[in-house]
PDB file of N, CA and C in Angstrom:
ATOM      1  N   MET A   1     275.304 -52.518 -36.511  1.00  0.00           N
ATOM      2  CA  MET A   1     274.552 -53.611 -36.944  1.00  0.00           C
ATOM      3  C   MET A   1     273.802 -53.817 -38.169  1.00  0.00           C
ATOM      4  N   THR A   2     274.102 -54.646 -39.295  1.00  0.00           N
ATOM      5  CA  THR A   2     273.192 -54.526 -40.042  1.00  0.00           C
ATOM      6  C   THR A   2     271.905 -55.261 -40.104  1.00  0.00           C
ATOM      7  N   ASP A   3     270.737 -54.704 -40.736  1.00  0.00           N
ATOM      8  CA  ASP A   3     269.565 -55.542 -40.709  1.00  0.00           C
ATOM      9  C   ASP A   3     270.003 -56.107 -41.287  1.00  0.00           C
ATOM     10  N   PRO A   4     269.846 -57.615 -41.775  1.00  0.00           N
ATOM     11  CA  PRO A   4     269.951 -58.436 -43.141  1.00  0.00           C
ATOM     12  C   PRO A   4     269.003 -58.343 -44.095  1.00  0.00           C
ATOM     13  N   LEU A   5     267.668 -58.356 -43.214  1.00  0.00           N
ATOM     14  CA  LEU A   5     266.170 -58.338 -44.108  1.00  0.00           C
ATOM     15  C   LEU A   5     266.181 -56.647 -44.888  1.00  0.00           C
ATOM     16  N   LYS A   6     266.545 -55.718 -44.300  1.00  0.00           N
ATOM     17  CA  LYS A   6     266.812 -54.793 -44.924  1.00  0.00           C
ATOM     18  C   LYS A   6     267.667 -54.700 -46.339  1.00  0.00           C
ATOM     19  N   ALA A   7     269.207 -55.270 -46.030  1.00  0.00           N
ATOM     20  CA  ALA A   7     270.237 -55.583 -46.638  1.00  0.00           C
ATOM     21  C   ALA A   7     269.463 -56.326 -47.719  1.00  0.00           C
ATOM     22  N   PHE A   8     268.909 -57.532 -47.691  1.00  0.00           N
ATOM     23  CA  PHE A   8     268.479 -58.264 -48.324  1.00  0.00           C
ATOM     24  C   PHE A   8     267.640 -57.431 -49.781  1.00  0.00           C
ATOM     25  N   LEU A   9     266.507 -56.822 -48.994  1.00  0.00           N
ATOM     26  CA  LEU A   9     265.210 -55.763 -49.834  1.00  0.00           C
ATOM     27  C   LEU A   9     266.027 -54.927 -50.616  1.00  0.00           C
ATOM     28  N   GLN A  10     267.272 -53.996 -50.375  1.00  0.00           N
ATOM     29  CA  GLN A  10     267.542 -52.581 -51.286  1.00  0.00           C
ATOM     30  C   GLN A  10     268.192 -53.978 -52.037  1.00  0.00           C
ATOM     31  N   ALA A  11     269.078 -54.703 -51.743  1.00  0.00           N
ATOM     32  CA  ALA A  11     270.046 -55.418 -52.896  1.00  0.00           C
ATOM     33  C   ALA A  11     269.360 -55.976 -53.879  1.00  0.00           C
ATOM     34  N   ASN A  12     267.886 -56.711 -53.981  1.00  0.00           N
ATOM     35  CA  ASN A  12     267.264 -57.184 -54.946  1.00  0.00           C
ATOM     36  C   ASN A  12     265.560 -56.267 -55.167  1.00  0.00           C
ATOM     37  N   ALA A  13     266.133 -55.268 -54.931  1.00  0.00           N
ATOM     38  CA  ALA A  13     264.682 -54.244 -55.251  1.00  0.00           C
ATOM     39  C   ALA A  13     264.621 -54.024 -56.741  1.00  0.00           C
ATOM     40  N   LEU A  14     263.493 -54.023 -56.980  1.00  0.00           N
ATOM     41  CA  LEU A  14     263.189 -53.788 -58.162  1.00  0.00           C
ATOM     42  C   LEU A  14     263.527 -52.353 -58.522  1.00  0.00           C
ATOM     43  N   THR A  15     263.701 -51.810 -59.556  1.00  0.00           N
ATOM     44  CA  THR A  15     263.801 -50.161 -59.972  1.00  0.00           C
ATOM     45  C   THR A  15     262.595 -50.130 -60.491  1.00  0.00           C
ATOM     46  N   ALA A  16     261.858 -49.153 -60.135  1.00  0.00           N
ATOM     47  CA  ALA A  16     260.970 -48.578 -61.229  1.00  0.00           C
ATOM     48  C   ALA A  16     261.371 -47.751 -62.415  1.00  0.00           C
ATOM     49  N   PRO A  17     260.645 -48.226 -63.473  1.00  0.00           N
ATOM     50  CA  PRO A  17     260.987 -47.686 -64.650  1.00  0.00           C
ATOM     51  C   PRO A  17     260.523 -45.864 -64.841  1.00  0.00           C
ATOM     52  N   ALA A  18     261.757 -45.218 -65.280  1.00  0.00           N
ATOM     53  CA  ALA A  18     262.032 -43.744 -65.352  1.00  0.00           C
ATOM     54  C   ALA A  18     260.498 -43.326 -65.543  1.00  0.00           C
ATOM     55  N   PHE A  19     259.767 -43.815 -66.808  1.00  0.00           N
ATOM     56  CA  PHE A  19     258.660 -43.171 -67.635  1.00  0.00           C
ATOM     57  C   PHE A  19     257.314 -44.303 -67.689  1.00  0.00           C
ATOM     58  N   ALA A  20     256.271 -43.904 -68.058  1.00  0.00           N
ATOM     59  CA  ALA A  20     255.410 -44.861 -67.930  1.00  0.00           C
ATOM     60  C   ALA A  20     255.182 -45.570 -69.126  1.00  0.00           C
ATOM     61  N   PRO A  21     254.364 -46.565 -69.260  1.00  0.00           N
ATOM     62  CA  PRO A  21     254.564 -47.810 -70.622  1.00  0.00           C
ATOM     63  C   PRO A  21     253.955 -46.563 -71.791  1.00  0.00           C
ATOM     64  N   ASP A  22     253.137 -45.493 -71.182  1.00  0.00           N
ATOM     65  CA  ASP A  22     252.210 -45.069 -72.656  1.00  0.00           C
ATOM     66  C   ASP A  22     253.150 -43.829 -73.237  1.00  0.00           C
ATOM     67  N   SER A  23     254.617 -42.975 -72.339  1.00  0.00           N
ATOM     68  CA  SER A  23     255.429 -42.502 -72.651  1.00  0.00           C
ATOM     69  C   SER A  23     256.439 -42.548 -73.578  1.00  0.00           C
ATOM     70  N   ARG A  24     256.465 -41.314 -74.667  1.00  0.00           N
ATOM     71  CA  ARG A  24     257.333 -41.877 -75.937  1.00  0.00           C
ATOM     72  C   ARG A  24     258.709 -42.104 -75.295  1.00  0.00           C
ATOM     73  N   TYR A  25     259.162 -41.706 -73.996  1.00  0.00           N
ATOM     74  CA  TYR A  25     260.342 -42.045 -73.539  1.00  0.00           C
ATOM     75  C   TYR A  25     260.220 -43.439 -73.038  1.00  0.00           C
ATOM     76  N   HIS A  26     259.309 -44.075 -72.643  1.00  0.00           N
ATOM     77  CA  HIS A  26     259.608 -45.581 -72.028  1.00  0.00           C
ATOM     78  C   HIS A  26     260.352 -46.236 -72.511  1.00  0.00           C
ATOM     79  N   GLY A  27     261.007 -47.034 -72.118  1.00  0.00           N
ATOM     80  CA  GLY A  27     262.192 -47.847 -72.158  1.00  0.00           C
ATOM     81  C   GLY A  27     263.604 -47.113 -72.476  1.00  0.00           C
ATOM     82  N   LEU A  28     263.492 -46.194 -72.666  1.00  0.00           N
ATOM     83  CA  LEU A  28     265.006 -45.517 -73.121  1.00  0.00           C
ATOM     84  C   LEU A  28     265.731 -45.061 -71.884  1.00  0.00           C
ATOM     85  N   ASP A  29     267.203 -45.414 -72.220  1.00  0.00           N
ATOM     86  CA  ASP A  29     267.977 -45.655 -71.510  1.00  0.00           C
ATOM     87  C   ASP A  29     268.174 -44.276 -70.594  1.00  0.00           C
ATOM     88  N   ILE A  30     268.623 -43.940 -69.312  1.00  0.00           N
ATOM     89  CA  ILE A  30     269.002 -42.637 -68.727  1.00  0.00           C
ATOM     90  C   ILE A  30     270.529 -43.207 -68.658  1.00  0.00           C
ATOM     91  N   ALA A  31     270.614 -41.633 -68.992  1.00  0.00           N
ATOM     92  CA  ALA A  31     272.766 -41.634 -68.701  1.00  0.00           C
ATOM     93  C   ALA A  31     272.656 -40.826 -68.159  1.00  0.00           C
ATOM     94  N   GLN A  32     274.185 -40.505 -67.748  1.00  0.00           N
ATOM     95  CA  GLN A  32     274.844 -39.770 -67.288  1.00  0.00           C
ATOM     96  C   GLN A  32     276.089 -38.618 -67.946  1.00  0.00           C
ATOM     97  N   TRP A  33     276.303 -37.734 -67.773  1.00  0.00           N
ATOM     98  CA  TRP A  33     277.410 -37.025 -68.086  1.00  0.00           C
ATOM     99  C   TRP A  33     277.727 -36.105 -66.824  1.00  0.00           C
ATOM    100  N   THR A  34     278.932 -35.789 -67.070  1.00  0.00           N
ATOM    101  CA  THR A  34     279.850 -35.643 -65.762  1.00  0.00           C
ATOM    102  C   THR A  34     280.824 -34.004 -66.335  1.00  0.00           C
ATOM    103  N   ARG A  35     280.206 -32.607 -65.761  1.00  0.00           N
ATOM    104  CA  ARG A  35     280.975 -31.834 -65.874  1.00  0.00           C
ATOM    105  C   ARG A  35     282.159 -31.646 -65.776  1.00  0.00           C
ATOM    106  N   PRO A  36     282.631 -31.114 -66.521  1.00  0.00           N
ATOM    107  CA  PRO A  36     284.211 -30.526 -65.952  1.00  0.00           C
ATOM    108  C   PRO A  36     284.411 -30.230 -64.507  1.00  0.00           C
ATOM    109  N   ASP A  37     283.640 -29.416 -63.869  1.00  0.00           N
ATOM    110  CA  ASP A  37     283.486 -29.413 -62.294  1.00  0.00           C
ATOM    111  C   ASP A  37     282.911 -30.591 -61.627  1.00  0.00           C
ATOM    112  N   GLY A  38     282.752 -31.461 -62.139  1.00  0.00           N
ATOM    113  CA  GLY A  38     282.441 -32.374 -61.489  1.00  0.00           C
ATOM    114  C   GLY A  38     281.044 -33.049 -61.044  1.00  0.00           C
ATOM    115  N   VAL A  39     280.195 -32.266 -61.735  1.00  0.00           N
ATOM    116  CA  VAL A  39     278.705 -32.167 -61.109  1.00  0.00           C
ATOM    117  C   VAL A  39     277.890 -32.985 -61.966  1.00  0.00           C
ATOM    118  N   ALA A  40     277.596 -34.460 -61.812  1.00  0.00           N
ATOM    119  CA  ALA A  40     276.873 -35.270 -62.686  1.00  0.00           C
ATOM    120  C   ALA A  40     275.413 -34.755 -63.101  1.00  0.00           C
ATOM    121  N   LEU A  41     275.421 -34.871 -64.398  1.00  0.00           N
ATOM    122  CA  LEU A  41     273.790 -34.364 -65.226  1.00  0.00           C
ATOM    123  C   LEU A  41     273.541 -35.476 -65.892  1.00  0.00           C
ATOM    124  N   SER A  42     271.945 -36.061 -65.398  1.00  0.00           N
ATOM    125  CA  SER A  42     271.119 -37.048 -65.773  1.00  0.00           C
ATOM    126  C   SER A  42     270.773 -36.337 -67.299  1.00  0.00           C
ATOM    127  N   TYR A  43     270.385 -37.494 -68.131  1.00  0.00           N
ATOM    128  CA  TYR A  43     269.525 -37.549 -69.501  1.00  0.00           C
ATOM    129  C   TYR A  43     269.179 -38.461 -70.288  1.00  0.00           C
ATOM    130  N   VAL A  44     267.968 -38.011 -70.634  1.00  0.00           N
ATOM    131  CA  VAL A  44     267.556 -39.103 -71.604  1.00  0.00           C
ATOM    132  C   VAL A  44     268.279 -39.367 -72.650  1.00  0.00           C
ATOM    133  N   ARG A  45     268.875 -40.812 -73.138  1.00  0.00           N
ATOM    134  CA  ARG A  45     269.362 -41.195 -74.623  1.00  0.00           C
ATOM    135  C   ARG A  45     268.514 -40.957 -75.720  1.00  0.00           C
ATOM    136  N   ARG A  46     268.699 -40.342 -76.656  1.00  0.00           N
ATOM    137  CA  ARG A  46     268.207 -39.927 -77.663  1.00  0.00           C
ATOM    138  C   ARG A  46     267.274 -41.184 -78.142  1.00  0.00           C
ATOM    139  N   ARG A  47     265.899 -40.544 -78.728  1.00  0.00           N
ATOM    140  CA  ARG A  47     265.121 -41.252 -79.232  1.00  0.00           C
ATOM    141  C   ARG A  47     264.808 -41.471 -80.533  1.00  0.00           C
ATOM    142  N   PHE A  48     264.967 -42.748 -81.406  1.00  0.00           N
ATOM    143  CA  PHE A  48     264.854 -42.616 -82.505  1.00  0.00           C
ATOM    144  C   PHE A  48     263.570 -43.217 -82.904  1.00  0.00           C
ATOM    145  N   VAL A  49     262.945 -42.450 -84.044  1.00  0.00           N
ATOM    146  CA  VAL A  49     261.572 -42.398 -84.293  1.00  0.00           C
ATOM    147  C   VAL A  49     261.556 -43.088 -85.828  1.00  0.00           C
ATOM    148  N   PRO A  50     260.764 -43.852 -85.767  1.00  0.00           N
ATOM    149  CA  PRO A  50     260.877 -44.984 -86.968  1.00  0.00           C
ATOM    150  C   PRO A  50     260.367 -44.204 -88.157  1.00  0.00           C
ATOM    151  N   PRO A  51     260.599 -44.406 -89.361  1.00  0.00           N
ATOM    152  CA  PRO A  51     259.955 -43.800 -90.548  1.00  0.00           C
ATOM    153  C   PRO A  51     258.087 -44.030 -90.400  1.00  0.00           C
ATOM    154  N   PRO A  52     257.773 -43.170 -90.681  1.00  0.00           N
ATOM    155  CA  PRO A  52     255.659 -43.263 -91.059  1.00  0.00           C
ATOM    156  C   PRO A  52     255.354 -44.009 -91.351  1.00  0.00           C
ATOM    157  N   GLU A  53     256.258 -45.272 -92.669  1.00  0.00           N
ATOM    158  CA  GLU A  53     255.388 -46.498 -93.538  1.00  0.00           C
ATOM    159  C   GLU A  53     255.428 -47.516 -92.354  1.00  0.00           C
ATOM    160  N   ASN A  54     256.625 -47.159 -91.485  1.00  0.00           N
ATOM    161  CA  ASN A  54     256.448 -48.660 -90.466  1.00  0.00           C
ATOM    162  C   ASN A  54     255.055 -48.410 -89.715  1.00  0.00           C
ATOM    163  N   PHE A  55     254.357 -47.559 -89.420  1.00  0.00           N
ATOM    164  CA  PHE A  55     253.194 -47.575 -89.032  1.00  0.00           C
ATOM    165  C   PHE A  55     251.849 -47.765 -90.099  1.00  0.00           C
ATOM    166  N   ALA A  56     251.007 -48.846 -89.417  1.00  0.00           N
ATOM    167  CA  ALA A  56     249.860 -49.395 -89.897  1.00  0.00           C
ATOM    168  C   ALA A  56     248.868 -48.106 -89.653  1.00  0.00           C
ATOM    169  N   THR A  57     248.221 -48.207 -91.182  1.00  0.00           N
ATOM    170  CA  THR A  57     246.720 -46.370 -90.762  1.00  0.00           C
ATOM    171  C   THR A  57     245.476 -47.383 -90.206  1.00  0.00           C
ATOM    172  N   LEU A  58     245.089 -46.639 -89.143  1.00  0.00           N
ATOM    173  CA  LEU A  58     244.279 -46.607 -88.633  1.00  0.00           C
ATOM    174  C   LEU A  58     242.977 -46.144 -89.266  1.00  0.00           C
ATOM    175  N   GLY A  59     242.880 -44.752 -89.446  1.00  0.00           N
ATOM    176  CA  GLY A  59     242.377 -44.002 -90.182  1.00  0.00           C
ATOM    177  C   GLY A  59     242.603 -42.867 -90.979  1.00  0.00           C
ATOM    178  N   GLU A  60     242.244 -41.622 -91.067  1.00  0.00           N
ATOM    179  CA  GLU A  60     242.327 -40.298 -91.246  1.00  0.00           C
ATOM    180  C   GLU A  60     241.594 -38.940 -91.092  1.00  0.00           C
ATOM    181  N   HIS A  61     242.275 -38.154 -90.936  1.00  0.00           N
ATOM    182  CA  HIS A  61     241.509 -37.246 -90.431  1.00  0.00           C
ATOM    183  C   HIS A  61     241.592 -35.311 -91.258  1.00  0.00           C
ATOM    184  N   LEU A  62     240.745 -35.016 -91.747  1.00  0.00           N
ATOM    185  CA  LEU A  62     241.159 -33.799 -92.569  1.00  0.00           C
ATOM    186  C   LEU A  62     241.011 -32.350 -91.615  1.00  0.00           C
ATOM    187  N   VAL A  63     242.390 -31.989 -92.026  1.00  0.00           N
ATOM    188  CA  VAL A  63     242.715 -30.695 -90.486  1.00  0.00           C
ATOM    189  C   VAL A  63     241.565 -29.255 -90.849  1.00  0.00           C
ATOM    190  N   GLU A  64     241.249 -28.911 -90.154  1.00  0.00           N
ATOM    191  CA  GLU A  64     239.968 -28.209 -90.345  1.00  0.00           C
ATOM    192  C   GLU A  64     240.527 -26.931 -89.172  1.00  0.00           C
ATOM    193  N   ALA A  65     240.296 -25.547 -89.643  1.00  0.00           N
ATOM    194  CA  ALA A  65     240.872 -24.724 -88.711  1.00  0.00           C
ATOM    195  C   ALA A  65     240.125 -24.193 -87.098  1.00  0.00           C
ATOM    196  N   GLY A  66     241.098 -24.327 -86.566  1.00  0.00           N
ATOM    197  CA  GLY A  66     240.844 -24.493 -84.894  1.00  0.00           C
ATOM    198  C   GLY A  66     241.372 -25.870 -84.573  1.00  0.00           C
ATOM    199  N   ASP A  67     241.600 -26.963 -85.431  1.00  0.00           N
ATOM    200  CA  ASP A  67     241.907 -28.033 -84.749  1.00  0.00           C
ATOM    201  C   ASP A  67     243.154 -27.965 -83.948  1.00  0.00           C
ATOM    202  N   ARG A  68     243.517 -28.715 -82.903  1.00  0.00           N
ATOM    203  CA  ARG A  68     244.272 -28.964 -81.868  1.00  0.00           C
ATOM    204  C   ARG A  68     244.537 -30.372 -82.075  1.00  0.00           C
ATOM    205  N   ILE A  69     246.150 -30.536 -81.887  1.00  0.00           N
ATOM    206  CA  ILE A  69     246.893 -32.089 -81.699  1.00  0.00           C
ATOM    207  C   ILE A  69     246.858 -32.541 -80.476  1.00  0.00           C
ATOM    208  N   ASP A  70     246.207 -31.903 -79.307  1.00  0.00           N
ATOM    209  CA  ASP A  70     246.060 -32.445 -78.228  1.00  0.00           C
ATOM    210  C   ASP A  70     244.349 -33.638 -78.494  1.00  0.00           C
ATOM    211  N   ASN A  71     243.700 -32.213 -78.526  1.00  0.00           N
ATOM    212  CA  ASN A  71     242.099 -32.609 -79.221  1.00  0.00           C
ATOM    213  C   ASN A  71     241.744 -33.996 -79.716  1.00  0.00           C
ATOM    214  N   LEU A  72     242.600 -33.958 -81.280  1.00  0.00           N
ATOM    215  CA  LEU A  72     242.869 -34.948 -81.568  1.00  0.00           C
ATOM    216  C   LEU A  72     243.419 -36.446 -81.555  1.00  0.00           C
ATOM    217  N   ALA A  73     244.173 -35.966 -80.463  1.00  0.00           N
ATOM    218  CA  ALA A  73     244.765 -37.320 -79.824  1.00  0.00           C
ATOM    219  C   ALA A  73     243.830 -37.348 -79.030  1.00  0.00           C
ATOM    220  N   ALA A  74     243.197 -37.040 -78.445  1.00  0.00           N
ATOM    221  CA  ALA A  74     241.860 -37.591 -76.876  1.00  0.00           C
ATOM    222  C   ALA A  74     240.668 -38.047 -78.131  1.00  0.00           C
ATOM    223  N   ARG A  75     240.427 -37.139 -79.284  1.00  0.00           N
ATOM    224  CA  ARG A  75     239.543 -37.845 -80.039  1.00  0.00           C
ATOM    225  C   ARG A  75     239.598 -39.242 -80.748  1.00  0.00           C
ATOM    226  N   TYR A  76     240.789 -39.151 -81.192  1.00  0.00           N
ATOM    227  CA  TYR A  76     240.723 -40.691 -82.177  1.00  0.00           C
ATOM    228  C   TYR A  76     241.889 -41.576 -81.127  1.00  0.00           C
ATOM    229  N   LEU A  77     242.853 -41.289 -80.255  1.00  0.00           N
ATOM    230  CA  LEU A  77     243.356 -42.470 -79.313  1.00  0.00           C
ATOM    231  C   LEU A  77     243.093 -42.135 -78.126  1.00  0.00           C
ATOM    232  N   GLY A  78     242.050 -41.515 -77.859  1.00  0.00           N
ATOM    233  CA  GLY A  78     242.070 -41.653 -76.287  1.00  0.00           C
ATOM    234  C   GLY A  78     242.381 -41.439 -74.719  1.00  0.00           C
ATOM    235  N   ASP A  79     243.507 -40.348 -75.536  1.00  0.00           N
ATOM    236  CA  ASP A  79     244.306 -40.063 -74.979  1.00  0.00           C
ATOM    237  C   ASP A  79     244.978 -38.457 -75.516  1.00  0.00           C
ATOM    238  N   PRO A  80     244.910 -37.255 -74.631  1.00  0.00           N
ATOM    239  CA  PRO A  80     245.601 -35.814 -75.265  1.00  0.00           C
ATOM    240  C   PRO A  80     247.036 -36.045 -75.073  1.00  0.00           C
ATOM    241  N   GLN A  81     247.650 -36.578 -74.287  1.00  0.00           N
ATOM    242  CA  GLN A  81     248.734 -36.586 -74.128  1.00  0.00           C
ATOM    243  C   GLN A  81     249.797 -37.579 -75.092  1.00  0.00           C
ATOM    244  N   GLN A  82     248.662 -38.228 -75.531  1.00  0.00           N
ATOM    245  CA  GLN A  82     249.509 -39.081 -76.919  1.00  0.00           C
ATOM    246  C   GLN A  82     249.390 -38.836 -77.896  1.00  0.00           C
ATOM    247  N   TYR A  83     249.259 -37.346 -78.392  1.00  0.00           N
ATOM    248  CA  TYR A  83     249.827 -36.630 -79.552  1.00  0.00           C
ATOM    249  C   TYR A  83     250.586 -36.960 -80.323  1.00  0.00           C
ATOM    250  N   TRP A  84     252.087 -37.313 -79.833  1.00  0.00           N
ATOM    251  CA  TRP A  84     253.340 -37.701 -80.191  1.00  0.00           C
ATOM    252  C   TRP A  84     253.135 -39.032 -80.978  1.00  0.00           C
ATOM    253  N   ARG A  85     252.157 -39.610 -81.020  1.00  0.00           N
ATOM    254  CA  ARG A  85     251.889 -40.702 -81.789  1.00  0.00           C
ATOM    255  C   ARG A  85     251.443 -40.220 -83.301  1.00  0.00           C
ATOM    256  N   LEU A  86     250.846 -38.897 -82.779  1.00  0.00           N
ATOM    257  CA  LEU A  86     249.943 -38.497 -84.195  1.00  0.00           C
ATOM    258  C   LEU A  86     251.312 -37.896 -85.298  1.00  0.00           C
ATOM    259  N   CYS A  87     252.426 -36.848 -83.993  1.00  0.00           N
ATOM    260  CA  CYS A  87     253.633 -37.035 -84.422  1.00  0.00           C
ATOM    261  C   CYS A  87     254.391 -37.895 -85.637  1.00  0.00           C
ATOM    262  N   ASP A  88     254.736 -39.085 -84.982  1.00  0.00           N
ATOM    263  CA  ASP A  88     255.607 -40.065 -85.513  1.00  0.00           C
ATOM    264  C   ASP A  88     254.489 -40.617 -86.365  1.00  0.00           C
ATOM    265  N   GLY A  89     253.432 -40.886 -86.683  1.00  0.00           N
ATOM    266  CA  GLY A  89     252.793 -41.555 -87.747  1.00  0.00           C
ATOM    267  C   GLY A  89     252.691 -40.257 -88.814  1.00  0.00           C
ATOM    268  N   ASN A  90     252.884 -39.427 -88.956  1.00  0.00           N
ATOM    269  CA  ASN A  90     252.891 -37.986 -90.033  1.00  0.00           C
ATOM    270  C   ASN A  90     254.518 -37.377 -90.367  1.00  0.00           C
ATOM    271  N   GLY A  91     255.096 -38.132 -89.340  1.00  0.00           N
ATOM    272  CA  GLY A  91     256.384 -37.587 -89.683  1.00  0.00           C
ATOM    273  C   GLY A  91     257.073 -36.359 -89.132  1.00  0.00           C
ATOM    274  N   ALA A  92     256.143 -35.782 -88.145  1.00  0.00           N
ATOM    275  CA  ALA A  92     255.968 -34.071 -87.923  1.00  0.00           C
ATOM    276  C   ALA A  92     257.562 -34.576 -86.631  1.00  0.00           C
ATOM    277  N   LEU A  93     258.235 -33.402 -86.574  1.00  0.00           N
ATOM    278  CA  LEU A  93     259.456 -32.672 -85.508  1.00  0.00           C
ATOM    279  C   LEU A  93     258.383 -32.069 -84.356  1.00  0.00           C
ATOM    280  N   ARG A  94     257.661 -30.980 -85.161  1.00  0.00           N
ATOM    281  CA  ARG A  94     257.204 -30.088 -84.198  1.00  0.00           C
ATOM    282  C   ARG A  94     256.088 -30.784 -84.261  1.00  0.00           C
ATOM    283  N   PRO A  95     254.853 -31.053 -83.292  1.00  0.00           N
ATOM    284  CA  PRO A  95     253.448 -30.885 -83.216  1.00  0.00           C
ATOM    285  C   PRO A  95     252.455 -30.429 -84.090  1.00  0.00           C
ATOM    286  N   ASP A  96     252.786 -28.625 -83.369  1.00  0.00           N
ATOM    287  CA  ASP A  96     251.828 -27.493 -84.246  1.00  0.00           C
ATOM    288  C   ASP A  96     251.846 -27.930 -86.168  1.00  0.00           C
ATOM    289  N   GLU A  97     252.796 -28.139 -86.453  1.00  0.00           N
ATOM    290  CA  GLU A  97     253.061 -28.587 -87.413  1.00  0.00           C
ATOM    291  C   GLU A  97     251.922 -29.730 -88.577  1.00  0.00           C
ATOM    292  N   LEU A  98     251.401 -30.437 -87.257  1.00  0.00           N
ATOM    293  CA  LEU A  98     250.448 -31.008 -87.964  1.00  0.00           C
ATOM    294  C   LEU A  98     249.021 -30.209 -88.547  1.00  0.00           C
ATOM    295  N   THR A  99     248.511 -29.265 -87.636  1.00  0.00           N
ATOM    296  CA  THR A  99     247.348 -28.708 -87.731  1.00  0.00           C
ATOM    297  C   THR A  99     247.354 -27.245 -87.922  1.00  0.00           C
ATOM    298  N   GLU A 100     248.694 -26.810 -88.612  1.00  0.00           N
ATOM    299  CA  GLU A 100     248.415 -25.442 -88.978  1.00  0.00           C
ATOM    300  C   GLU A 100     248.229 -25.025 -90.687  1.00  0.00           C
ATOM    301  N   THR A 101     248.145 -26.145 -91.122  1.00  0.00           N
ATOM    302  CA  THR A 101     247.590 -25.791 -92.627  1.00  0.00           C
ATOM    303  C   THR A 101     246.128 -26.706 -93.117  1.00  0.00           C
ATOM    304  N   PRO A 102     244.878 -26.119 -92.572  1.00  0.00           N
ATOM    305  CA  PRO A 102     243.511 -26.369 -92.899  1.00  0.00           C
ATOM    306  C   PRO A 102     243.686 -27.151 -94.348  1.00  0.00           C
ATOM    307  N   GLY A 103     242.872 -28.249 -94.199  1.00  0.00           N
ATOM    308  CA  GLY A 103     242.852 -28.617 -95.404  1.00  0.00           C
ATOM    309  C   GLY A 103     244.033 -30.467 -95.676  1.00  0.00           C
ATOM    310  N   ARG A 104     244.759 -30.574 -94.729  1.00  0.00           N
ATOM    311  CA  ARG A 104     246.143 -31.468 -94.710  1.00  0.00           C
ATOM    312  C   ARG A 104     245.220 -32.539 -94.218  1.00  0.00           C
ATOM    313  N   THR A 105     245.597 -33.812 -95.312  1.00  0.00           N
ATOM    314  CA  THR A 105     245.184 -34.914 -94.050  1.00  0.00           C
ATOM    315  C   THR A 105     246.086 -35.340 -93.495  1.00  0.00           C
ATOM    316  N   LEU A 106     245.505 -36.316 -91.991  1.00  0.00           N
ATOM    317  CA  LEU A 106     246.674 -36.452 -91.273  1.00  0.00           C
ATOM    318  C   LEU A 106     246.532 -38.318 -90.649  1.00  0.00           C
ATOM    319  N   ARG A 107     247.695 -38.945 -91.067  1.00  0.00           N
ATOM    320  CA  ARG A 107     246.683 -40.339 -90.959  1.00  0.00           C
ATOM    321  C   ARG A 107     247.111 -40.586 -89.387  1.00  0.00           C
ATOM    322  N   ILE A 108     246.260 -41.520 -89.142  1.00  0.00           N
ATOM    323  CA  ILE A 108     245.486 -42.157 -87.443  1.00  0.00           C
ATOM    324  C   ILE A 108     246.532 -43.334 -87.320  1.00  0.00           C
ATOM    325  N   THR A 109     247.451 -43.347 -86.807  1.00  0.00           N
ATOM    326  CA  THR A 109     247.896 -44.887 -86.816  1.00  0.00           C
ATOM    327  C   THR A 109     248.078 -45.450 -85.468  1.00  0.00           C
ATOM    328  N   LEU A 110     248.491 -46.879 -86.189  1.00  0.00           N
ATOM    329  CA  LEU A 110     248.076 -47.328 -84.541  1.00  0.00           C
ATOM    330  C   LEU A 110     249.941 -47.569 -84.404  1.00  0.00           C
ATOM    331  N   PRO A 111     250.142 -48.149 -82.933  1.00  0.00           N
ATOM    332  CA  PRO A 111     252.018 -48.103 -82.749  1.00  0.00           C
ATOM    333  C   PRO A 111     252.434 -49.013 -83.717  1.00  0.00           C
ATOM    334  N   GLU A 112     254.021 -48.886 -83.494  1.00  0.00           N
ATOM    335  CA  GLU A 112     254.580 -49.577 -84.286  1.00  0.00           C
ATOM    336  C   GLU A 112     254.935 -50.997 -83.828  1.00  0.00           C
ATOM    337  N   GLY A 113     254.558 -51.713 -84.607  1.00  0.00           N
ATOM    338  CA  GLY A 113     254.810 -52.976 -84.608  1.00  0.00           C
ATOM    339  C   GLY A 113     253.394 -53.919 -84.319  1.00  0.00           C
ATOM    340  N   VAL A 114     252.079 -52.989 -84.529  1.00  0.00           N
ATOM    341  CA  VAL A 114     251.403 -53.707 -84.306  1.00  0.00           C
ATOM    342  C   VAL A 114     249.933 -53.453 -85.738  1.00  0.00           C
ATOM    343  N   PRO A 115     250.232 -54.854 -86.226  1.00  0.00           N
ATOM    344  CA  PRO A 115     249.613 -54.805 -87.574  1.00  0.00           C
ATOM    345  C   PRO A 115     248.236 -54.364 -87.629  1.00  0.00           C
ATOM    346  N   GLY A 116     248.067 -53.817 -89.244  1.00  0.00           N
ATOM    347  CA  GLY A 116     246.796 -53.235 -89.557  1.00  0.00           C
ATOM    348  C   GLY A 116     245.936 -54.101 -90.167  1.00  0.00           C
ATOM    349  N   ASP A 117     244.842 -53.677 -90.525  1.00  0.00           N
ATOM    350  CA  ASP A 117     244.104 -54.550 -91.466  1.00  0.00           C
ATOM    351  C   ASP A 117     244.287 -53.989 -92.765  1.00  0.00           C
ATOM    352  N   GLU A 118     244.554 -55.662 -93.390  1.00  0.00           N
ATOM    353  CA  GLU A 118     245.007 -55.673 -94.512  1.00  0.00           C
ATOM    354  C   GLU A 118     244.158 -55.536 -95.544  1.00  0.00           C
ATOM    355  N   SER A 119     243.026 -55.619 -95.161  1.00  0.00           N
ATOM    356  CA  SER A 119     241.718 -55.622 -96.120  1.00  0.00           C
ATOM    357  C   SER A 119     241.771 -54.106 -97.225  1.00  0.00           C
TER     358      SER A 119
END
């Protein structure tokens, strides 16, 4: 015998997002690939990063010896796990490349689609 309430709740359940709203993977689809032996593997579809010029500049940081990308994200963005936003705004594929050259100027950017101060 089937419990009608349980069946209704299961049929109309909201699915939780796979990633938190502040994750770089938020909103990306999860896909599956089936190996020849029948085992299904899940993966996150590719994330396409917009060009750095699509991000409004909030400020700049002059890299010093010993700077770490997570510490810079904490200082400027309020969360060390948001380091990927610094990578996106500066066109970096490897996070460490942003801090390996003292004297480099990093752009601190707003998320894509958030307009900056035009003055």
